[in-house]
Amino acid sequence: MHVGRMGYLLVALVLLQGCSYEKTLVRKEAEASTYDPASMARIRLFSSPELSASYQPGATCEAFHPSKKNDTKIAARQYKKEQHWLLWAKTSLDLRGMEPEDYQNRVIGMPETKQTRNLRNDRVGYDEFVIPAGKPTVVMINFTAHDSTRNSDSWCFPPPVALTPEAGKDYEISLVWERPNIFVANCRLSVAELVGQEVVKDVREVKTALCAENKNFDYDTVNP
């Protein structure tokens, strides 16, 4: 895990998230139509201009080659570089640094959770995808932010995870912060299965394999 300086940037992000607006749900019909609960699972990835999320379905860590010529990962959504914490920038960006399409969550029918309800008015959004069951899918979420007033950057790159989902199950994957003390901020990926009989599901964190970067800037599988 690689961690950059945080401090006031994290505080400012929290302040921004308090601004009032509500996202709309955009259903991805083509993606939803591919879902077969007998052989497929569904995942929900959380992202924002500062949180870049991507995944590679049906791939082991050894087959994951981000930023190389044989990179086949799929981005949850693309954000323009100037959205990474430039509040005063650019024509179509508003004061939160968001494009009009960033006010949307792109869904395929996964049930709500407390986290999705809490994000109705938040800078962080989510996208839902169908993935094959019984095979690993690698997911990467990185944090990067820029403050041009101080010409400084903050970042955190946790190890990607390799989730082998069960057929018919739904999962949420997000980047979470941990602060062992006031001087240190760490991040990791949290993978949670949706559980329960209620309309708004509970979540239960599940263990996954980690993808450890090697000297060739590829990845090896580290089992839990």
Protein backbone atom coordinates (compact mmCIF):
# COMPACT_ATOMS: atom_id res chain seq x y z
CA MET A 1 0.00 0.00 0.00
CA HIS A 2 1.28 3.45 -0.96
CA VAL A 3 0.00 6.40 1.05
CA GLY A 4 0.49 10.10 0.38
CA ARG A 5 -0.15 13.13 2.59
CA MET A 6 -3.82 13.69 3.51
CA GLY A 7 -4.59 16.21 6.27
CA TYR A 8 -6.66 19.17 5.21
CA LEU A 9 -7.63 17.56 1.89
CA LEU A 10 -9.64 14.88 3.67
CA VAL A 11 -11.34 17.52 5.80
CA ALA A 12 -12.18 19.57 2.73
CA LEU A 13 -13.62 16.53 0.96
CA VAL A 14 -15.95 15.98 3.92
CA LEU A 15 -17.08 19.59 3.74
CA LEU A 16 -17.79 19.27 0.03
CA GLN A 17 -19.82 16.15 0.58
CA GLY A 18 -22.13 18.13 2.82
CA CYS A 19 -23.36 20.19 -0.14
CA SER A 20 -26.95 19.36 -1.06
CA TYR A 21 -28.00 17.55 -4.25
CA GLU A 22 -29.47 14.15 -5.06
CA LYS A 23 -28.23 11.68 -7.64
CA THR A 24 -30.49 9.86 -10.08
CA LEU A 25 -30.39 6.15 -10.88
CA VAL A 26 -29.67 5.24 -14.51
CA ARG A 27 -30.47 1.62 -15.33
CA LYS A 28 -28.02 -0.17 -17.63
CA GLU A 29 -30.45 -2.42 -19.46
CA ALA A 30 -27.88 -4.17 -21.66
CA GLU A 31 -25.71 -5.10 -18.67
CA ALA A 32 -28.71 -6.13 -16.56
CA SER A 33 -29.99 -8.44 -19.29
CA THR A 34 -26.82 -10.56 -19.10
CA TYR A 35 -27.39 -11.51 -15.46
CA ASP A 36 -28.12 -15.20 -14.82
CA PRO A 37 -28.14 -15.93 -11.07
CA ALA A 38 -27.24 -19.57 -11.77
CA SER A 39 -23.83 -18.65 -13.18
CA MET A 40 -23.24 -14.96 -12.52
CA ALA A 41 -22.83 -12.55 -9.61
CA ARG A 42 -23.16 -8.77 -9.35
CA ILE A 43 -20.76 -6.19 -7.94
CA ARG A 44 -21.15 -2.54 -7.00
CA LEU A 45 -18.04 -0.33 -7.21
CA PHE A 46 -17.82 3.06 -5.50
CA SER A 47 -15.89 5.89 -7.14
CA SER A 48 -15.53 9.66 -7.38
CA PRO A 49 -13.17 12.11 -9.09
CA GLU A 50 -10.66 11.21 -6.35
CA LEU A 51 -11.47 7.47 -6.29
CA SER A 52 -10.71 5.67 -9.55
CA ALA A 53 -12.30 2.20 -9.65
CA SER A 54 -11.70 -0.53 -12.24
CA TYR A 55 -12.12 -4.27 -12.53
CA GLN A 56 -11.09 -7.21 -14.71
CA PRO A 57 -13.70 -10.00 -14.76
CA GLY A 58 -12.63 -13.64 -14.81
CA ALA A 59 -8.97 -12.81 -14.17
CA THR A 60 -6.41 -13.83 -11.57
CA CYS A 61 -3.91 -11.38 -10.10
CA GLU A 62 -1.30 -12.85 -12.45
CA ALA A 63 -3.47 -11.84 -15.44
CA PHE A 64 -3.91 -8.28 -14.15
CA HIS A 65 -1.58 -5.82 -15.91
CA PRO A 66 -2.77 -2.25 -15.28
CA SER A 67 -1.11 0.47 -17.37
CA LYS A 68 0.63 -2.05 -19.63
CA LYS A 69 -0.06 -2.82 -23.28
CA ASN A 70 -1.93 -5.99 -22.34
CA ASP A 71 -4.12 -4.14 -19.80
CA THR A 72 -7.75 -5.27 -20.20
CA LYS A 73 -9.30 -3.83 -17.03
CA ILE A 74 -12.62 -1.99 -17.27
CA ALA A 75 -13.04 1.43 -15.65
CA ALA A 76 -16.16 1.89 -13.52
CA ARG A 77 -16.31 5.39 -14.97
CA GLN A 78 -13.84 7.89 -16.37
CA TYR A 79 -13.21 11.26 -14.74
CA LYS A 80 -11.35 14.10 -16.38
CA LYS A 81 -8.04 15.00 -14.80
CA GLU A 82 -9.20 18.51 -13.90
CA GLN A 83 -11.95 17.01 -11.74
CA HIS A 84 -9.40 15.77 -9.24
CA TRP A 85 -9.98 18.52 -6.74
CA LEU A 86 -9.91 21.70 -8.85
CA LEU A 87 -12.92 23.55 -7.48
CA TRP A 88 -12.58 26.65 -9.60
CA ALA A 89 -11.88 24.94 -12.92
CA LYS A 90 -13.56 24.61 -16.23
CA THR A 91 -16.75 25.30 -18.03
CA SER A 92 -19.06 22.34 -17.38
CA LEU A 93 -17.72 21.60 -13.89
CA ASP A 94 -19.65 22.91 -10.92
CA LEU A 95 -18.24 23.98 -7.55
CA ARG A 96 -17.87 20.36 -6.48
CA GLY A 97 -15.71 19.63 -9.52
CA MET A 98 -18.37 17.35 -11.04
CA GLU A 99 -19.67 16.86 -14.56
CA PRO A 100 -23.44 16.54 -15.15
CA GLU A 101 -23.15 12.75 -15.58
CA ASP A 102 -21.50 12.47 -12.15
CA TYR A 103 -24.91 13.11 -10.62
CA GLN A 104 -25.90 9.60 -11.72
CA ASN A 105 -25.51 6.13 -10.25
CA ARG A 106 -25.50 3.43 -12.95
CA VAL A 107 -27.41 0.38 -11.80
CA ILE A 108 -28.49 -3.11 -12.90
CA GLY A 109 -30.96 -3.97 -10.14
CA MET A 110 -28.88 -4.73 -7.06
CA PRO A 111 -30.72 -4.08 -3.78
CA GLU A 112 -30.01 -0.95 -1.75
CA THR A 113 -27.80 -0.93 1.34
CA LYS A 114 -27.28 1.65 4.06
CA GLN A 115 -24.19 2.79 2.20
CA THR A 116 -26.04 3.46 -1.06
CA ARG A 117 -28.76 5.34 0.83
CA ASN A 118 -26.14 7.47 2.56
CA LEU A 119 -24.62 8.33 -0.82
CA ARG A 120 -27.75 9.75 -2.38
CA ASN A 121 -26.42 13.25 -1.66
CA ASP A 122 -22.71 12.52 -1.77
CA ARG A 123 -19.79 13.18 -4.10
CA VAL A 124 -19.05 9.44 -4.18
CA GLY A 125 -21.18 7.44 -6.63
CA TYR A 126 -21.44 3.84 -7.72
CA ASP A 127 -21.69 1.59 -10.76
CA GLU A 128 -23.01 -1.99 -10.88
CA PHE A 129 -21.72 -4.84 -13.05
CA VAL A 130 -22.35 -8.51 -13.85
CA ILE A 131 -19.34 -10.82 -13.38
CA PRO A 132 -18.84 -14.60 -13.75
CA ALA A 133 -19.30 -16.70 -10.61
CA GLY A 134 -16.71 -19.22 -9.50
CA LYS A 135 -13.85 -17.33 -11.14
CA PRO A 136 -11.73 -14.53 -9.67
CA THR A 137 -12.40 -10.93 -10.64
CA VAL A 138 -9.70 -8.39 -9.81
CA VAL A 139 -10.81 -4.98 -8.52
CA MET A 140 -8.62 -1.90 -8.06
CA ILE A 141 -9.64 1.39 -6.40
CA ASN A 142 -7.06 4.17 -5.94
CA PHE A 143 -7.29 7.56 -4.26
CA THR A 144 -5.59 10.62 -5.81
CA ALA A 145 -6.31 14.30 -5.17
CA HIS A 146 -4.61 17.57 -6.09
CA ASP A 147 -4.67 20.96 -4.39
CA SER A 148 -3.29 23.56 -6.79
CA THR A 149 -3.35 26.32 -4.14
CA ARG A 150 -0.51 24.50 -2.35
CA ASN A 151 0.70 22.59 -5.40
CA SER A 152 0.44 19.34 -3.44
CA ASP A 153 -0.94 15.88 -4.04
CA SER A 154 -2.45 13.22 -1.80
CA TRP A 155 -2.79 9.57 -2.71
CA CYS A 156 -3.35 6.06 -1.43
CA PHE A 157 -2.97 2.93 -3.57
CA PRO A 158 -4.15 -0.16 -1.66
CA PRO A 159 -3.46 -3.63 -3.07
CA PRO A 160 -6.09 -4.78 -5.59
CA VAL A 161 -8.34 -7.63 -4.47
CA ALA A 162 -9.28 -10.84 -6.28
CA LEU A 163 -12.87 -11.76 -5.46
CA THR A 164 -14.19 -15.21 -6.41
CA PRO A 165 -17.95 -14.62 -6.12
CA GLU A 166 -20.69 -17.17 -5.58
CA ALA A 167 -23.49 -17.51 -8.12
CA GLY A 168 -26.52 -15.35 -7.45
CA LYS A 169 -24.82 -13.20 -4.81
CA ASP A 170 -24.27 -9.45 -4.71
CA TYR A 171 -21.15 -7.64 -3.46
CA GLU A 172 -20.07 -4.08 -2.70
CA ILE A 173 -16.43 -3.02 -3.05
CA SER A 174 -15.20 0.29 -1.71
CA LEU A 175 -12.07 2.01 -0.44
CA VAL A 176 -12.14 2.56 3.32
CA TRP A 177 -9.87 4.66 5.53
CA GLU A 178 -8.27 3.53 8.75
CA ARG A 179 -6.48 5.83 11.18
CA PRO A 180 -4.31 3.91 13.66
CA ASN A 181 -3.33 7.30 15.11
CA ILE A 182 -3.80 11.00 14.37
CA PHE A 183 -0.62 11.14 12.28
CA VAL A 184 -1.29 8.15 9.99
CA ALA A 185 -4.06 7.43 7.47
CA ASN A 186 -4.16 4.06 5.73
CA CYS A 187 -6.56 2.75 3.13
CA ARG A 188 -7.68 -0.69 2.01
CA LEU A 189 -10.38 -2.25 -0.15
CA SER A 190 -13.44 -3.57 1.63
CA VAL A 191 -15.42 -6.37 -0.06
CA ALA A 192 -18.85 -6.98 1.45
CA GLU A 193 -21.61 -9.43 0.54
CA LEU A 194 -25.20 -8.19 0.64
CA VAL A 195 -27.21 -10.25 3.12
CA GLY A 196 -30.58 -10.27 4.87
CA GLN A 197 -34.25 -10.37 3.92
CA GLU A 198 -35.03 -6.66 4.22
CA VAL A 199 -35.48 -4.33 1.27
CA VAL A 200 -32.39 -2.41 2.37
CA LYS A 201 -29.76 -5.13 2.74
CA ASP A 202 -27.17 -5.53 5.45
CA VAL A 203 -23.59 -6.23 4.41
CA ARG A 204 -21.06 -8.75 5.67
CA GLU A 205 -17.39 -8.27 4.88
CA VAL A 206 -15.79 -11.26 3.14
CA LYS A 207 -12.16 -12.25 2.80
CA THR A 208 -10.54 -12.12 -0.62
CA ALA A 209 -7.12 -12.78 -2.07
CA LEU A 210 -4.85 -9.74 -2.42
CA CYS A 211 -2.83 -8.86 -5.49
CA ALA A 212 0.75 -8.02 -4.46
CA GLU A 213 2.86 -6.00 -6.87
CA ASN A 214 6.13 -7.70 -7.83
CA LYS A 215 9.44 -6.40 -9.16
CA ASN A 216 8.14 -6.56 -12.74
CA PHE A 217 5.22 -4.25 -11.82
CA ASP A 218 2.82 -7.14 -12.33
CA TYR A 219 0.86 -8.87 -9.57
CA ASP A 220 0.99 -12.13 -7.65
CA THR A 221 -1.86 -13.70 -5.70
CA VAL A 222 -1.62 -13.62 -1.90
CA ASN A 223 -4.32 -15.81 -0.34
CA PRO A 224 -5.91 -14.76 2.98
